[in-house]
Amino acid sequence: MVPPFVSDRRTDLDAWARALGVCREAVELHASGDLIDLHIDTFIWTRLIGYDLTRRHGRGLLGARGYSQADLPRLVEAGVTGGVWCITTNPLRSAEGRGQALKRNLARLQSILSGRDVPAHIVRTADEYRAARRAGVHGVFVGVQGGNALGPGHRVLDELPPWSLLLVTLVHLTDSEIGCTSSPLRLGPDRGLLPAGRELVRRLNHARVFVDLAHLSRPAFWNAVEVHDPTLPLMVSHTGVCGRHPHWRNLDDEQLRRVADSGGTVGVIYHTGFLGRPRSLTTIVDHLAYIVSTVGEDHASLGSDWDGSIPPPRDMPTCLELPRLTHEMLRRGWSPERIQKILGHNFLRVLRQLRD
């Protein structure tokens, strides 16, 4: 059941389709299927400016550029049934301070989501996600962006209940004791994945937490693959692909094939700077199409990076316009089965491979 303060578009699918200028089939897919986003950064604005995750917002002071692209009421209205909500690391804190901050932030997120009538539950497995769907709420998987958030010796992993975290992005936009970023902010030579990073990969494998390879430099990516348990799937939560738009942030074909060979999946980001021109949602589908043509439709997913200071497509500035993305996939002649895989089924398959 949709909470009373959330607009339920399912009551009039034709009106929903008309409002967005899309076909009815697009909104039907959103009304009935799974739509799981591999990377949502909205919680960072709660930490910085007190952005209320449980309140429906407009497009903010910047017209949804950078922030105010998502919140729980809008995500539920848009048919986003689940997502990985990331806690991003402040690299300027001490190692001890980062670990303590992660625990405080996790407790804060849990407290917000446990409030009365909040249309979300924290989930850890495919079964728990399904239970959230039956309850009509958004399933929140928790991720960490920047493995150095785990404190000295990664000990926060031992202090949290099992499976509290779904994924850990090993590095973010700066180098750390974990390894080297793909970002131009990297200082000095690219040393790949450092010993602490290699140990973290092993620890995450043992804990059945996804090792998220987004943001890694190319040498660090291959170092991580080298020590990763070959029986577990690889994950890149939010990225573009170089075959469509060459960029320091994007994956090349060899990297795509390695993720696919593991049974994993790649989430396509909505950051237009990483996707290339035109600055429309068609470029998201272009990157998805490239993944499908290169490694198959079982390995493409969505990883928006909503509210991660991104410039989104001009025709999809917030999560409310997501049916336009599905409409574009349908317009290209993609089958409902392929689209459903991309919207959520590929992620659920990989999740079961990791934790069931």
Protein backbone atom coordinates (compact mmCIF):
# COMPACT_ATOMS: atom_id res chain seq x y z
CA MET A 1 0.00 0.00 0.00
CA VAL A 2 1.34 3.43 -0.98
CA PRO A 3 1.49 5.84 2.02
CA PRO A 4 -1.12 8.64 1.91
CA PHE A 5 1.45 11.41 1.29
CA VAL A 6 2.83 9.70 -1.84
CA SER A 7 1.10 10.20 -5.19
CA ASP A 8 -0.02 6.83 -6.56
CA ARG A 9 0.34 7.08 -10.33
CA ARG A 10 -0.95 3.53 -10.73
CA THR A 11 -4.54 4.72 -10.27
CA ASP A 12 -4.53 6.31 -13.73
CA LEU A 13 -1.84 4.96 -16.03
CA ASP A 14 -3.15 6.85 -19.04
CA ALA A 15 -2.84 10.18 -17.20
CA TRP A 16 0.67 9.26 -16.07
CA ALA A 17 1.68 8.45 -19.63
CA ARG A 18 0.17 11.68 -20.98
CA ALA A 19 1.90 13.80 -18.33
CA LEU A 20 5.30 12.47 -19.38
CA GLY A 21 4.63 12.15 -23.09
CA VAL A 22 5.30 8.40 -23.12
CA CYS A 23 3.49 5.26 -24.19
CA ARG A 24 1.23 3.41 -21.75
CA GLU A 25 3.48 0.33 -21.89
CA ALA A 26 6.32 2.35 -20.35
CA VAL A 27 4.31 3.31 -17.29
CA GLU A 28 2.86 -0.19 -17.04
CA LEU A 29 6.40 -1.56 -16.70
CA HIS A 30 7.10 0.95 -13.96
CA ALA A 31 3.83 0.23 -12.20
CA SER A 32 4.23 -3.52 -12.12
CA GLY A 33 7.92 -4.45 -12.35
CA ASP A 34 11.12 -4.16 -10.36
CA LEU A 35 13.17 -1.00 -10.76
CA ILE A 36 16.33 -1.05 -8.67
CA ASP A 37 18.96 1.68 -8.75
CA LEU A 38 22.51 0.58 -7.92
CA HIS A 39 23.72 3.97 -6.69
CA ILE A 40 21.75 6.76 -4.96
CA ASP A 41 23.69 9.54 -3.20
CA THR A 42 20.79 11.54 -1.75
CA PHE A 43 21.75 10.88 1.88
CA ILE A 44 24.83 13.07 1.48
CA TRP A 45 22.54 16.14 1.39
CA THR A 46 20.86 15.05 4.60
CA ARG A 47 24.29 15.12 6.22
CA LEU A 48 25.32 18.43 4.65
CA ILE A 49 22.16 20.57 4.78
CA GLY A 50 19.52 18.51 6.57
CA TYR A 51 17.71 17.48 3.36
CA ASP A 52 14.65 15.52 4.48
CA LEU A 53 14.58 12.15 2.72
CA THR A 54 10.98 11.56 3.76
CA ARG A 55 9.55 14.81 2.34
CA ARG A 56 8.60 15.42 -1.26
CA HIS A 57 10.86 18.14 -2.68
CA GLY A 58 10.82 20.25 -5.79
CA ARG A 59 13.89 20.77 -7.97
CA GLY A 60 15.71 22.95 -5.46
CA LEU A 61 17.62 26.17 -5.96
CA LEU A 62 19.60 24.82 -8.91
CA GLY A 63 16.76 23.24 -10.86
CA ALA A 64 17.78 19.67 -9.94
CA ARG A 65 21.37 20.26 -11.03
CA GLY A 66 23.57 18.57 -8.46
CA TYR A 67 20.90 17.84 -5.86
CA SER A 68 17.14 17.58 -5.19
CA GLN A 69 16.81 14.89 -7.84
CA ALA A 70 15.29 12.27 -5.54
CA ASP A 71 13.59 11.66 -2.20
CA LEU A 72 11.57 8.73 -0.91
CA PRO A 73 8.09 10.01 -1.90
CA ARG A 74 9.23 10.80 -5.44
CA LEU A 75 11.10 7.51 -5.81
CA VAL A 76 8.02 5.56 -4.77
CA GLU A 77 5.83 7.61 -7.11
CA ALA A 78 8.27 6.99 -9.96
CA GLY A 79 8.13 3.24 -9.40
CA VAL A 80 11.69 2.86 -8.08
CA THR A 81 11.16 -0.21 -5.94
CA GLY A 82 14.66 -0.45 -4.50
CA GLY A 83 18.06 1.17 -4.48
CA VAL A 84 21.54 1.13 -3.04
CA TRP A 85 21.81 4.22 -0.85
CA CYS A 86 25.44 5.16 -0.36
CA ILE A 87 27.22 6.75 2.57
CA THR A 88 30.12 8.73 1.14
CA THR A 89 33.43 9.07 2.96
CA ASN A 90 35.08 12.33 3.96
CA PRO A 91 38.74 11.59 3.14
CA LEU A 92 40.00 14.46 5.33
CA ARG A 93 39.04 12.68 8.57
CA SER A 94 41.48 10.43 10.38
CA ALA A 95 41.13 6.69 9.90
CA GLU A 96 39.54 6.38 13.34
CA GLY A 97 37.29 9.35 12.62
CA ARG A 98 36.09 7.87 9.34
CA GLY A 99 35.09 4.64 11.03
CA GLN A 100 33.20 6.43 13.76
CA ALA A 101 31.50 8.72 11.24
CA LEU A 102 30.34 5.74 9.19
CA LYS A 103 28.71 4.15 12.22
CA ARG A 104 27.00 7.44 13.14
CA ASN A 105 25.75 7.95 9.61
CA LEU A 106 24.48 4.41 9.34
CA ALA A 107 22.60 4.82 12.62
CA ARG A 108 21.14 8.11 11.37
CA LEU A 109 19.94 6.57 8.12
CA GLN A 110 18.39 3.66 10.01
CA SER A 111 16.64 6.07 12.36
CA ILE A 112 15.17 8.08 9.48
CA LEU A 113 13.87 4.98 7.76
CA SER A 114 12.29 3.61 10.93
CA GLY A 115 10.02 6.64 11.28
CA ARG A 116 6.26 6.40 11.13
CA ASP A 117 4.80 6.15 7.60
CA VAL A 118 8.23 6.32 5.95
CA PRO A 119 7.78 4.51 2.61
CA ALA A 120 11.02 2.50 2.87
CA HIS A 121 12.59 -0.44 4.67
CA ILE A 122 16.26 -1.32 4.93
CA VAL A 123 16.80 -4.67 3.21
CA ARG A 124 19.79 -6.99 2.80
CA THR A 125 18.67 -9.87 0.59
CA ALA A 126 16.42 -10.56 -2.36
CA ASP A 127 13.81 -12.05 -0.02
CA GLU A 128 13.82 -8.97 2.20
CA TYR A 129 13.50 -6.76 -0.86
CA ARG A 130 10.50 -8.82 -2.01
CA ALA A 131 8.91 -8.35 1.42
CA ALA A 132 9.38 -4.58 1.10
CA ARG A 133 7.73 -4.67 -2.33
CA ARG A 134 4.75 -6.54 -0.94
CA ALA A 135 4.46 -3.85 1.72
CA GLY A 136 4.43 -1.20 -1.03
CA VAL A 137 7.63 0.50 0.13
CA HIS A 138 11.04 1.18 -1.34
CA GLY A 139 13.77 -1.33 -0.39
CA VAL A 140 16.93 0.43 0.80
CA PHE A 141 20.19 -1.47 0.44
CA VAL A 142 23.07 0.34 2.17
CA GLY A 143 26.40 0.94 0.47
CA VAL A 144 29.61 2.78 1.32
CA GLN A 145 31.52 4.91 -1.17
CA GLY A 146 35.19 4.86 -0.22
CA GLY A 147 36.52 1.78 1.55
CA ASN A 148 38.63 3.93 3.85
CA ALA A 149 35.36 4.66 5.72
CA LEU A 150 35.75 1.28 7.41
CA GLY A 151 38.39 2.59 9.78
CA PRO A 152 41.75 1.15 10.83
CA GLY A 153 42.12 -2.43 9.67
CA HIS A 154 38.61 -2.27 8.15
CA ARG A 155 37.37 -3.11 11.64
CA VAL A 156 33.92 -1.56 11.14
CA LEU A 157 33.15 -4.65 9.08
CA ASP A 158 33.52 -6.69 12.27
CA GLU A 159 31.50 -4.24 14.37
CA LEU A 160 28.39 -4.15 12.19
CA PRO A 161 25.78 -6.92 12.08
CA PRO A 162 26.33 -9.31 9.15
CA TRP A 163 25.20 -8.02 5.77
CA SER A 164 24.52 -4.49 7.07
CA LEU A 165 26.30 -3.24 3.95
CA LEU A 166 25.47 -4.45 0.46
CA LEU A 167 28.47 -2.98 -1.32
CA VAL A 168 31.64 -1.00 -0.76
CA THR A 169 33.09 1.18 -3.52
CA LEU A 170 36.80 0.68 -2.89
CA VAL A 171 37.85 4.26 -3.69
CA HIS A 172 36.12 7.49 -4.62
CA LEU A 173 37.52 10.67 -6.18
CA THR A 174 40.84 10.68 -4.32
CA ASP A 175 43.57 8.15 -3.64
CA SER A 176 43.61 6.48 -0.25
CA GLU A 177 45.41 3.73 1.59
CA ILE A 178 43.08 1.39 -0.33
CA GLY A 179 44.36 2.32 -3.78
CA CYS A 180 44.22 4.76 -6.66
CA THR A 181 41.28 6.50 -8.24
CA SER A 182 40.63 7.03 -11.93
CA SER A 183 39.95 10.69 -11.19
CA PRO A 184 42.32 13.43 -12.40
CA LEU A 185 42.45 14.47 -8.72
CA ARG A 186 44.93 11.63 -8.23
CA LEU A 187 48.29 12.95 -7.09
CA GLY A 188 51.46 11.13 -8.08
CA PRO A 189 51.90 7.85 -9.93
CA ASP A 190 49.17 5.26 -10.26
CA ARG A 191 50.10 2.52 -7.80
CA GLY A 192 46.98 0.48 -8.42
CA LEU A 193 45.37 -1.33 -5.51
CA LEU A 194 47.55 -1.17 -2.42
CA PRO A 195 48.03 -4.00 0.12
CA ALA A 196 45.25 -2.63 2.34
CA GLY A 197 42.95 -2.66 -0.68
CA ARG A 198 43.79 -6.22 -1.58
CA GLU A 199 43.05 -7.28 1.98
CA LEU A 200 39.77 -5.35 1.89
CA VAL A 201 38.68 -7.22 -1.25
CA ARG A 202 39.31 -10.52 0.53
CA ARG A 203 37.41 -9.32 3.62
CA LEU A 204 34.44 -8.16 1.58
CA ASN A 205 34.32 -11.46 -0.32
CA HIS A 206 34.30 -13.35 2.98
CA ALA A 207 31.53 -11.10 4.35
CA ARG A 208 29.47 -11.45 1.14
CA VAL A 209 29.58 -7.71 0.46
CA PHE A 210 29.84 -6.58 -3.15
CA VAL A 211 33.24 -5.20 -4.15
CA ASP A 212 32.20 -2.17 -6.21
CA LEU A 213 34.86 -1.45 -8.84
CA ALA A 214 33.52 2.01 -9.78
CA HIS A 215 36.04 4.88 -9.54
CA LEU A 216 39.13 2.62 -9.59
CA SER A 217 42.05 3.40 -11.86
CA ARG A 218 42.55 0.77 -14.53
CA PRO A 219 45.55 -0.85 -12.76
CA ALA A 220 43.62 -0.87 -9.48
CA PHE A 221 40.63 -2.45 -11.23
CA TRP A 222 42.73 -5.34 -12.48
CA ASN A 223 44.51 -5.72 -9.14
CA ALA A 224 41.10 -6.05 -7.46
CA VAL A 225 39.95 -8.63 -10.01
CA GLU A 226 43.16 -10.59 -9.41
CA VAL A 227 42.44 -11.10 -5.69
CA HIS A 228 38.63 -11.29 -5.95
CA ASP A 229 37.01 -14.66 -5.25
CA PRO A 230 36.39 -16.07 -8.76
CA THR A 231 33.18 -17.75 -7.59
CA LEU A 232 31.54 -14.41 -6.74
CA PRO A 233 30.13 -11.79 -9.15
CA LEU A 234 31.89 -8.52 -9.86
CA MET A 235 29.95 -5.25 -9.63
CA VAL A 236 30.37 -1.75 -11.05
CA SER A 237 27.53 0.27 -9.58
CA HIS A 238 27.67 3.51 -11.59
CA THR A 239 29.71 4.19 -14.70
CA GLY A 240 29.66 4.88 -18.41
CA VAL A 241 31.46 2.89 -21.11
CA CYS A 242 34.40 4.05 -23.21
CA GLY A 243 33.04 2.29 -26.29
CA ARG A 244 30.29 4.89 -26.37
CA HIS A 245 32.15 7.86 -24.86
CA PRO A 246 35.88 7.67 -24.00
CA HIS A 247 36.39 9.15 -20.53
CA TRP A 248 38.61 8.59 -17.48
CA ARG A 249 35.50 7.63 -15.50
CA ASN A 250 34.27 4.93 -17.88
CA LEU A 251 34.97 1.21 -18.45
CA ASP A 252 36.64 -0.22 -21.53
CA ASP A 253 35.55 -3.39 -23.33
CA GLU A 254 38.04 -5.63 -21.55
CA GLN A 255 36.72 -4.49 -18.19
CA LEU A 256 33.12 -5.02 -19.31
CA ARG A 257 33.90 -8.55 -20.41
CA ARG A 258 35.57 -9.39 -17.12
CA VAL A 259 32.55 -8.25 -15.13
CA ALA A 260 30.23 -10.21 -17.41
CA ASP A 261 32.40 -13.33 -17.23
CA SER A 262 31.97 -13.31 -13.44
CA GLY A 263 28.19 -13.19 -13.80
CA GLY A 264 28.13 -9.59 -12.55
CA THR A 265 26.45 -6.43 -13.72
CA VAL A 266 27.30 -2.83 -14.64
CA GLY A 267 25.09 0.10 -13.63
CA VAL A 268 24.95 2.98 -16.12
CA ILE A 269 25.26 6.41 -14.53
CA TYR A 270 23.09 9.44 -15.43
CA HIS A 271 25.94 11.99 -15.30
CA THR A 272 25.81 13.63 -18.72
CA GLY A 273 29.49 14.60 -18.57
CA PHE A 274 30.41 10.91 -18.55
CA LEU A 275 27.83 9.92 -21.17
CA GLY A 276 28.62 12.38 -23.96
CA ARG A 277 26.24 14.23 -26.25
CA PRO A 278 23.42 14.85 -26.69
CA ARG A 279 22.65 15.83 -23.09
CA SER A 280 19.48 13.74 -23.15
CA LEU A 281 18.40 10.42 -21.73
CA THR A 282 19.03 8.82 -25.13
CA THR A 283 22.71 8.69 -24.18
CA ILE A 284 21.90 6.52 -21.14
CA VAL A 285 20.22 4.06 -23.47
CA ASP A 286 23.18 4.34 -25.86
CA HIS A 287 25.51 3.17 -23.08
CA LEU A 288 23.11 0.40 -22.09
CA ALA A 289 22.90 -0.65 -25.73
CA TYR A 290 26.68 -0.80 -25.96
CA ILE A 291 26.86 -3.08 -22.92
CA VAL A 292 24.15 -5.31 -24.39
CA SER A 293 25.89 -5.55 -27.76
CA THR A 294 29.29 -6.22 -26.18
CA VAL A 295 28.52 -8.64 -23.34
CA GLY A 296 24.79 -9.35 -23.48
CA GLU A 297 21.58 -8.13 -21.89
CA ASP A 298 22.18 -10.03 -18.63
CA HIS A 299 24.88 -7.62 -17.47
CA ALA A 300 23.39 -4.14 -17.81
CA SER A 301 21.69 -2.27 -14.96
CA LEU A 302 20.93 1.28 -13.79
CA GLY A 303 23.16 3.19 -11.37
CA SER A 304 21.89 6.75 -11.47
CA ASP A 305 24.14 8.61 -8.98
CA TRP A 306 21.09 10.76 -8.18
CA ASP A 307 22.12 13.71 -5.98
CA GLY A 308 25.80 12.92 -6.37
CA SER A 309 26.40 16.46 -7.64
CA ILE A 310 25.66 15.27 -11.17
CA PRO A 311 24.18 17.16 -14.12
CA PRO A 312 21.38 14.81 -15.21
CA PRO A 313 19.87 14.60 -18.70
CA ARG A 314 17.81 17.65 -19.56
CA ASP A 315 14.73 15.54 -20.26
CA MET A 316 15.13 13.46 -17.07
CA PRO A 317 16.24 15.92 -14.37
CA THR A 318 14.70 13.92 -11.50
CA CYS A 319 13.53 10.42 -10.77
CA LEU A 320 9.94 11.39 -11.66
CA GLU A 321 10.74 11.30 -15.38
CA LEU A 322 12.12 7.73 -15.33
CA PRO A 323 9.32 6.26 -17.46
CA ARG A 324 10.78 8.31 -20.32
CA LEU A 325 13.88 6.10 -20.09
CA THR A 326 11.77 2.98 -20.46
CA HIS A 327 9.83 4.61 -23.31
CA GLU A 328 13.12 5.16 -25.16
CA MET A 329 14.08 1.51 -24.73
CA LEU A 330 10.71 0.44 -26.04
CA ARG A 331 11.01 2.88 -28.95
CA ARG A 332 14.21 1.09 -29.97
CA GLY A 333 12.34 -2.18 -30.19
CA TRP A 334 13.71 -3.73 -27.01
CA SER A 335 11.56 -6.48 -25.56
CA PRO A 336 9.85 -6.07 -22.18
CA GLU A 337 11.99 -8.99 -20.96
CA ARG A 338 15.24 -7.18 -21.81
CA ILE A 339 13.99 -3.96 -20.25
CA GLN A 340 12.92 -5.74 -17.07
CA LYS A 341 16.37 -7.28 -16.80
CA ILE A 342 17.98 -3.85 -17.00
CA LEU A 343 15.49 -2.22 -14.63
CA GLY A 344 16.03 -4.75 -11.85
CA HIS A 345 16.16 -8.43 -12.67
CA ASN A 346 19.87 -8.48 -13.50
CA PHE A 347 20.68 -6.96 -10.13
CA LEU A 348 18.44 -9.42 -8.28
CA ARG A 349 20.09 -12.35 -10.03
CA VAL A 350 23.54 -11.10 -9.05
CA LEU A 351 22.37 -10.47 -5.48
CA ARG A 352 21.13 -14.04 -5.18
CA GLN A 353 24.46 -15.25 -6.56
CA LEU A 354 26.21 -13.35 -3.76
CA ARG A 355 23.97 -14.02 -0.77
CA ASP A 356 21.51 -16.89 -1.38
